[in-house]
All heavy atoms as atom14 arrays in JSON, in Angstrom:
{
  "sequence": "DAEGGRGLILVAVLARTWGVVERDVGKTVWAEIPL",
  "atom14_mask": [
    [1, 1, 1, 1, 1, 1, 1, 1, 0, 0, 0, 0, 0, 0],
    [1, 1, 1, 1, 1, 0, 0, 0, 0, 0, 0, 0, 0, 0],
    [1, 1, 1, 1, 1, 1, 1, 1, 1, 0, 0, 0, 0, 0],
    [1, 1, 1, 1, 0, 0, 0, 0, 0, 0, 0, 0, 0, 0],
    [1, 1, 1, 1, 0, 0, 0, 0, 0, 0, 0, 0, 0, 0],
    [1, 1, 1, 1, 1, 1, 1, 1, 1, 1, 1, 0, 0, 0],
    [1, 1, 1, 1, 0, 0, 0, 0, 0, 0, 0, 0, 0, 0],
    [1, 1, 1, 1, 1, 1, 1, 1, 0, 0, 0, 0, 0, 0],
    [1, 1, 1, 1, 1, 1, 1, 1, 0, 0, 0, 0, 0, 0],
    [1, 1, 1, 1, 1, 1, 1, 1, 0, 0, 0, 0, 0, 0],
    [1, 1, 1, 1, 1, 1, 1, 0, 0, 0, 0, 0, 0, 0],
    [1, 1, 1, 1, 1, 0, 0, 0, 0, 0, 0, 0, 0, 0],
    [1, 1, 1, 1, 1, 1, 1, 0, 0, 0, 0, 0, 0, 0],
    [1, 1, 1, 1, 1, 1, 1, 1, 0, 0, 0, 0, 0, 0],
    [1, 1, 1, 1, 1, 0, 0, 0, 0, 0, 0, 0, 0, 0],
    [1, 1, 1, 1, 1, 1, 1, 1, 1, 1, 1, 0, 0, 0],
    [1, 1, 1, 1, 1, 1, 1, 0, 0, 0, 0, 0, 0, 0],
    [1, 1, 1, 1, 1, 1, 1, 1, 1, 1, 1, 1, 1, 1],
    [1, 1, 1, 1, 0, 0, 0, 0, 0, 0, 0, 0, 0, 0],
    [1, 1, 1, 1, 1, 1, 1, 0, 0, 0, 0, 0, 0, 0],
    [1, 1, 1, 1, 1, 1, 1, 0, 0, 0, 0, 0, 0, 0],
    [1, 1, 1, 1, 1, 1, 1, 1, 1, 0, 0, 0, 0, 0],
    [1, 1, 1, 1, 1, 1, 1, 1, 1, 1, 1, 0, 0, 0],
    [1, 1, 1, 1, 1, 1, 1, 1, 0, 0, 0, 0, 0, 0],
    [1, 1, 1, 1, 1, 1, 1, 0, 0, 0, 0, 0, 0, 0],
    [1, 1, 1, 1, 0, 0, 0, 0, 0, 0, 0, 0, 0, 0],
    [1, 1, 1, 1, 1, 1, 1, 1, 1, 0, 0, 0, 0, 0],
    [1, 1, 1, 1, 1, 1, 1, 0, 0, 0, 0, 0, 0, 0],
    [1, 1, 1, 1, 1, 1, 1, 0, 0, 0, 0, 0, 0, 0],
    [1, 1, 1, 1, 1, 1, 1, 1, 1, 1, 1, 1, 1, 1],
    [1, 1, 1, 1, 1, 0, 0, 0, 0, 0, 0, 0, 0, 0],
    [1, 1, 1, 1, 1, 1, 1, 1, 1, 0, 0, 0, 0, 0],
    [1, 1, 1, 1, 1, 1, 1, 1, 0, 0, 0, 0, 0, 0],
    [1, 1, 1, 1, 1, 1, 1, 0, 0, 0, 0, 0, 0, 0],
    [1, 1, 1, 1, 1, 1, 1, 1, 0, 0, 0, 0, 0, 0]
  ],
  "atom14_positions": [
    [[30.29, 118.98, 78.17], [30.84, 117.66, 77.9], [31.66, 117.61, 76.61], [32.07, 116.53, 76.18], [29.71, 116.62, 77.85], [28.7, 116.91, 76.76], [28.69, 118.04, 76.22], [27.89, 116.02, 76.45], [0.0, 0.0, 0.0], [0.0, 0.0, 0.0], [0.0, 0.0, 0.0], [0.0, 0.0, 0.0], [0.0, 0.0, 0.0], [0.0, 0.0, 0.0]],
    [[31.95, 118.75, 76.0], [32.74, 118.78, 74.77], [34.2, 118.44, 75.06], [34.71, 118.67, 76.15], [32.65, 120.16, 74.13], [0.0, 0.0, 0.0], [0.0, 0.0, 0.0], [0.0, 0.0, 0.0], [0.0, 0.0, 0.0], [0.0, 0.0, 0.0], [0.0, 0.0, 0.0], [0.0, 0.0, 0.0], [0.0, 0.0, 0.0], [0.0, 0.0, 0.0]],
    [[34.88, 117.88, 74.06], [36.3, 117.57, 74.19], [37.12, 118.74, 73.68], [36.83, 119.3, 72.64], [36.64, 116.32, 73.39], [36.07, 115.06, 73.98], [36.54, 113.84, 73.23], [37.66, 113.85, 72.7], [35.78, 112.87, 73.18], [0.0, 0.0, 0.0], [0.0, 0.0, 0.0], [0.0, 0.0, 0.0], [0.0, 0.0, 0.0], [0.0, 0.0, 0.0]],
    [[38.16, 119.11, 74.4], [39.07, 120.16, 73.96], [38.46, 121.55, 74.04], [37.28, 121.73, 74.33], [0.0, 0.0, 0.0], [0.0, 0.0, 0.0], [0.0, 0.0, 0.0], [0.0, 0.0, 0.0], [0.0, 0.0, 0.0], [0.0, 0.0, 0.0], [0.0, 0.0, 0.0], [0.0, 0.0, 0.0], [0.0, 0.0, 0.0], [0.0, 0.0, 0.0]],
    [[39.31, 122.55, 73.83], [38.86, 123.94, 73.8], [38.85, 124.64, 75.14], [38.59, 125.83, 75.22], [0.0, 0.0, 0.0], [0.0, 0.0, 0.0], [0.0, 0.0, 0.0], [0.0, 0.0, 0.0], [0.0, 0.0, 0.0], [0.0, 0.0, 0.0], [0.0, 0.0, 0.0], [0.0, 0.0, 0.0], [0.0, 0.0, 0.0], [0.0, 0.0, 0.0]],
    [[39.16, 123.92, 76.22], [39.13, 124.54, 77.54], [40.35, 125.4, 77.83], [40.3, 126.31, 78.64], [38.98, 123.47, 78.62], [37.62, 122.84, 78.62], [37.52, 121.73, 79.66], [36.2, 121.15, 79.66], [35.76, 120.29, 78.77], [36.53, 119.89, 77.8], [34.53, 119.81, 78.84], [0.0, 0.0, 0.0], [0.0, 0.0, 0.0], [0.0, 0.0, 0.0]],
    [[41.47, 125.1, 77.22], [42.7, 125.84, 77.47], [42.6, 127.3, 77.12], [43.18, 128.15, 77.8], [0.0, 0.0, 0.0], [0.0, 0.0, 0.0], [0.0, 0.0, 0.0], [0.0, 0.0, 0.0], [0.0, 0.0, 0.0], [0.0, 0.0, 0.0], [0.0, 0.0, 0.0], [0.0, 0.0, 0.0], [0.0, 0.0, 0.0], [0.0, 0.0, 0.0]],
    [[41.87, 127.62, 76.07], [41.74, 129.02, 75.69], [40.9, 129.8, 76.69], [41.04, 131.01, 76.81], [41.18, 129.15, 74.28], [42.15, 128.68, 73.19], [41.49, 128.74, 71.81], [43.43, 129.5, 73.2], [0.0, 0.0, 0.0], [0.0, 0.0, 0.0], [0.0, 0.0, 0.0], [0.0, 0.0, 0.0], [0.0, 0.0, 0.0], [0.0, 0.0, 0.0]],
    [[40.05, 129.11, 77.44], [39.32, 129.78, 78.52], [40.32, 130.23, 79.58], [40.25, 131.34, 80.1], [38.24, 128.86, 79.12], [37.15, 128.62, 78.07], [37.66, 129.46, 80.4], [36.13, 127.59, 78.48], [0.0, 0.0, 0.0], [0.0, 0.0, 0.0], [0.0, 0.0, 0.0], [0.0, 0.0, 0.0], [0.0, 0.0, 0.0], [0.0, 0.0, 0.0]],
    [[41.3, 129.38, 79.88], [42.36, 129.73, 80.83], [43.12, 130.96, 80.34], [43.37, 131.89, 81.11], [43.31, 128.55, 81.02], [44.51, 128.78, 81.91], [44.07, 128.93, 83.36], [45.5, 127.64, 81.79], [0.0, 0.0, 0.0], [0.0, 0.0, 0.0], [0.0, 0.0, 0.0], [0.0, 0.0, 0.0], [0.0, 0.0, 0.0], [0.0, 0.0, 0.0]],
    [[43.47, 130.98, 79.07], [44.17, 132.14, 78.5], [43.3, 133.39, 78.65], [43.78, 134.45, 79.06], [44.54, 131.89, 77.02], [45.1, 133.15, 76.37], [45.56, 130.75, 76.92], [0.0, 0.0, 0.0], [0.0, 0.0, 0.0], [0.0, 0.0, 0.0], [0.0, 0.0, 0.0], [0.0, 0.0, 0.0], [0.0, 0.0, 0.0], [0.0, 0.0, 0.0]],
    [[42.03, 133.29, 78.34], [41.13, 134.43, 78.44], [41.02, 134.96, 79.87], [40.93, 136.17, 80.09], [39.74, 134.07, 77.9], [0.0, 0.0, 0.0], [0.0, 0.0, 0.0], [0.0, 0.0, 0.0], [0.0, 0.0, 0.0], [0.0, 0.0, 0.0], [0.0, 0.0, 0.0], [0.0, 0.0, 0.0], [0.0, 0.0, 0.0], [0.0, 0.0, 0.0]],
    [[41.06, 134.06, 80.84], [40.96, 134.47, 82.24], [42.26, 135.12, 82.72], [42.23, 136.13, 83.43], [40.6, 133.25, 83.13], [40.79, 133.56, 84.6], [39.18, 132.8, 82.86], [0.0, 0.0, 0.0], [0.0, 0.0, 0.0], [0.0, 0.0, 0.0], [0.0, 0.0, 0.0], [0.0, 0.0, 0.0], [0.0, 0.0, 0.0], [0.0, 0.0, 0.0]],
    [[43.41, 134.59, 82.31], [44.69, 135.07, 82.81], [45.23, 136.29, 82.07], [45.98, 137.07, 82.64], [45.74, 133.95, 82.74], [45.47, 132.74, 83.64], [46.51, 131.66, 83.38], [45.45, 133.14, 85.1], [0.0, 0.0, 0.0], [0.0, 0.0, 0.0], [0.0, 0.0, 0.0], [0.0, 0.0, 0.0], [0.0, 0.0, 0.0], [0.0, 0.0, 0.0]],
    [[44.86, 136.46, 80.82], [45.4, 137.55, 80.01], [44.5, 138.78, 80.09], [43.28, 138.67, 80.25], [45.54, 137.11, 78.56], [0.0, 0.0, 0.0], [0.0, 0.0, 0.0], [0.0, 0.0, 0.0], [0.0, 0.0, 0.0], [0.0, 0.0, 0.0], [0.0, 0.0, 0.0], [0.0, 0.0, 0.0], [0.0, 0.0, 0.0], [0.0, 0.0, 0.0]],
    [[45.12, 139.94, 79.97], [44.36, 141.2, 79.9], [43.59, 141.24, 78.58], [42.43, 141.66, 78.52], [45.32, 142.38, 79.98], [44.63, 143.74, 79.87], [45.62, 144.89, 79.94], [46.29, 144.88, 81.23], [47.59, 145.15, 81.4], [48.34, 145.44, 80.37], [48.12, 145.14, 82.61], [0.0, 0.0, 0.0], [0.0, 0.0, 0.0], [0.0, 0.0, 0.0]],
    [[44.24, 140.8, 77.52], [43.63, 140.72, 76.2], [44.37, 139.66, 75.41], [45.51, 139.34, 75.72], [43.65, 142.09, 75.48], [42.94, 142.01, 74.25], [45.07, 142.57, 75.23], [0.0, 0.0, 0.0], [0.0, 0.0, 0.0], [0.0, 0.0, 0.0], [0.0, 0.0, 0.0], [0.0, 0.0, 0.0], [0.0, 0.0, 0.0], [0.0, 0.0, 0.0]],
    [[43.72, 139.09, 74.4], [44.36, 138.1, 73.57], [43.66, 138.04, 72.23], [42.58, 138.6, 72.06], [44.38, 136.73, 74.25], [43.03, 136.06, 74.35], [42.05, 136.34, 75.26], [42.53, 135.03, 73.51], [40.97, 135.53, 75.03], [41.24, 134.71, 73.97], [43.04, 134.34, 72.43], [40.46, 133.73, 73.38], [42.27, 133.35, 71.84], [40.99, 133.05, 72.32]],
    [[44.29, 137.38, 71.27], [43.68, 137.28, 69.96], [44.5, 136.39, 69.05], [45.48, 135.76, 69.46], [0.0, 0.0, 0.0], [0.0, 0.0, 0.0], [0.0, 0.0, 0.0], [0.0, 0.0, 0.0], [0.0, 0.0, 0.0], [0.0, 0.0, 0.0], [0.0, 0.0, 0.0], [0.0, 0.0, 0.0], [0.0, 0.0, 0.0], [0.0, 0.0, 0.0]],
    [[44.1, 136.35, 67.81], [44.77, 135.54, 66.8], [44.83, 136.34, 65.51], [43.92, 137.12, 65.21], [44.05, 134.19, 66.59], [42.63, 134.39, 66.09], [44.82, 133.29, 65.66], [0.0, 0.0, 0.0], [0.0, 0.0, 0.0], [0.0, 0.0, 0.0], [0.0, 0.0, 0.0], [0.0, 0.0, 0.0], [0.0, 0.0, 0.0], [0.0, 0.0, 0.0]],
    [[45.9, 136.14, 64.79], [46.04, 136.78, 63.48], [46.58, 135.74, 62.5], [47.44, 134.93, 62.85], [46.94, 138.04, 63.54], [48.36, 137.68, 63.91], [46.91, 138.81, 62.25], [0.0, 0.0, 0.0], [0.0, 0.0, 0.0], [0.0, 0.0, 0.0], [0.0, 0.0, 0.0], [0.0, 0.0, 0.0], [0.0, 0.0, 0.0], [0.0, 0.0, 0.0]],
    [[46.0, 135.73, 61.32], [46.48, 134.84, 60.27], [47.77, 135.42, 59.71], [47.96, 136.63, 59.66], [45.43, 134.72, 59.17], [44.11, 134.16, 59.64], [44.2, 132.75, 60.19], [44.94, 131.92, 59.6], [43.55, 132.47, 61.21], [0.0, 0.0, 0.0], [0.0, 0.0, 0.0], [0.0, 0.0, 0.0], [0.0, 0.0, 0.0], [0.0, 0.0, 0.0]],
    [[48.67, 134.55, 59.28], [49.92, 134.94, 58.64], [49.95, 134.34, 57.25], [49.07, 133.57, 56.89], [51.11, 134.43, 59.47], [51.08, 134.9, 60.9], [52.21, 134.35, 61.76], [52.56, 132.99, 61.45], [53.81, 132.51, 61.43], [54.81, 133.29, 61.7], [54.05, 131.25, 61.15], [0.0, 0.0, 0.0], [0.0, 0.0, 0.0], [0.0, 0.0, 0.0]],
    [[50.99, 134.67, 56.49], [51.11, 134.05, 55.16], [51.1, 132.53, 55.28], [50.49, 131.84, 54.47], [52.4, 134.52, 54.46], [52.31, 135.96, 54.01], [51.19, 136.47, 53.83], [53.37, 136.58, 53.84], [0.0, 0.0, 0.0], [0.0, 0.0, 0.0], [0.0, 0.0, 0.0], [0.0, 0.0, 0.0], [0.0, 0.0, 0.0], [0.0, 0.0, 0.0]],
    [[51.81, 132.01, 56.27], [51.8, 130.58, 56.56], [51.44, 130.43, 58.03], [52.2, 130.83, 58.9], [53.18, 129.94, 56.3], [53.17, 128.48, 56.72], [53.58, 130.09, 54.84], [0.0, 0.0, 0.0], [0.0, 0.0, 0.0], [0.0, 0.0, 0.0], [0.0, 0.0, 0.0], [0.0, 0.0, 0.0], [0.0, 0.0, 0.0], [0.0, 0.0, 0.0]],
    [[50.26, 129.92, 58.3], [49.86, 129.67, 59.68], [49.19, 130.85, 60.35], [48.57, 131.7, 59.72], [0.0, 0.0, 0.0], [0.0, 0.0, 0.0], [0.0, 0.0, 0.0], [0.0, 0.0, 0.0], [0.0, 0.0, 0.0], [0.0, 0.0, 0.0], [0.0, 0.0, 0.0], [0.0, 0.0, 0.0], [0.0, 0.0, 0.0], [0.0, 0.0, 0.0]],
    [[49.36, 130.86, 61.67], [48.7, 131.89, 62.49], [49.56, 132.19, 63.71], [50.43, 131.41, 64.08], [47.31, 131.43, 62.92], [47.34, 130.22, 63.84], [45.94, 129.71, 64.12], [45.93, 128.35, 64.76], [46.57, 127.29, 64.01], [0.0, 0.0, 0.0], [0.0, 0.0, 0.0], [0.0, 0.0, 0.0], [0.0, 0.0, 0.0], [0.0, 0.0, 0.0]],
    [[49.29, 133.32, 64.33], [49.92, 133.69, 65.6], [48.82, 133.95, 66.61], [47.91, 134.74, 66.35], [50.79, 134.96, 65.44], [51.85, 134.67, 64.53], [51.37, 135.4, 66.78], [0.0, 0.0, 0.0], [0.0, 0.0, 0.0], [0.0, 0.0, 0.0], [0.0, 0.0, 0.0], [0.0, 0.0, 0.0], [0.0, 0.0, 0.0], [0.0, 0.0, 0.0]],
    [[48.9, 133.28, 67.74], [48.0, 133.54, 68.86], [48.8, 134.34, 69.87], [49.94, 133.99, 70.19], [47.48, 132.24, 69.5], [46.49, 132.55, 70.62], [46.82, 131.35, 68.44], [0.0, 0.0, 0.0], [0.0, 0.0, 0.0], [0.0, 0.0, 0.0], [0.0, 0.0, 0.0], [0.0, 0.0, 0.0], [0.0, 0.0, 0.0], [0.0, 0.0, 0.0]],
    [[48.23, 135.45, 70.32], [48.96, 136.34, 71.23], [48.11, 136.63, 72.46], [46.89, 136.51, 72.43], [49.35, 137.64, 70.52], [48.17, 138.41, 69.99], [47.6, 138.27, 68.75], [47.41, 139.4, 70.68], [46.53, 139.13, 68.65], [46.39, 139.83, 69.81], [47.5, 139.96, 71.95], [45.47, 140.82, 70.18], [46.57, 140.93, 72.31], [45.57, 141.35, 71.42]],
    [[48.81, 136.97, 73.52], [48.15, 137.36, 74.78], [49.01, 138.38, 75.48], [50.23, 138.34, 75.4], [47.96, 136.13, 75.68], [0.0, 0.0, 0.0], [0.0, 0.0, 0.0], [0.0, 0.0, 0.0], [0.0, 0.0, 0.0], [0.0, 0.0, 0.0], [0.0, 0.0, 0.0], [0.0, 0.0, 0.0], [0.0, 0.0, 0.0], [0.0, 0.0, 0.0]],
    [[48.36, 139.33, 76.14], [49.07, 140.33, 76.94], [48.69, 140.11, 78.4], [47.51, 140.05, 78.75], [48.75, 141.73, 76.47], [49.34, 142.0, 75.1], [49.19, 143.42, 74.62], [48.58, 144.25, 75.33], [49.67, 143.72, 73.51], [0.0, 0.0, 0.0], [0.0, 0.0, 0.0], [0.0, 0.0, 0.0], [0.0, 0.0, 0.0], [0.0, 0.0, 0.0]],
    [[49.74, 139.98, 79.23], [49.58, 139.62, 80.63], [50.13, 140.73, 81.5], [51.28, 141.15, 81.32], [50.35, 138.32, 80.92], [49.91, 137.22, 79.99], [50.23, 137.92, 82.39], [50.88, 136.06, 79.92], [0.0, 0.0, 0.0], [0.0, 0.0, 0.0], [0.0, 0.0, 0.0], [0.0, 0.0, 0.0], [0.0, 0.0, 0.0], [0.0, 0.0, 0.0]],
    [[49.35, 141.22, 82.46], [49.91, 142.2, 83.42], [50.89, 141.51, 84.35], [50.6, 140.43, 84.88], [48.68, 142.72, 84.17], [47.63, 141.67, 83.98], [47.95, 140.93, 82.71], [0.0, 0.0, 0.0], [0.0, 0.0, 0.0], [0.0, 0.0, 0.0], [0.0, 0.0, 0.0], [0.0, 0.0, 0.0], [0.0, 0.0, 0.0], [0.0, 0.0, 0.0]],
    [[52.06, 142.1, 84.55], [53.08, 141.5, 85.39], [53.14, 142.12, 86.78], [53.78, 141.58, 87.67], [54.46, 141.62, 84.73], [54.63, 140.86, 83.42], [55.98, 141.19, 82.8], [54.48, 139.37, 83.63], [0.0, 0.0, 0.0], [0.0, 0.0, 0.0], [0.0, 0.0, 0.0], [0.0, 0.0, 0.0], [0.0, 0.0, 0.0], [0.0, 0.0, 0.0]]
  ]
}
């Protein structure tokens, strides 16, 4: 019953691998998808 956070489950299911890295300003979320 929590609000939000479901979209990353979709990313986890569709991507071969994914992650996040902090940058000097902000962050980058990445995913690798088999084509």
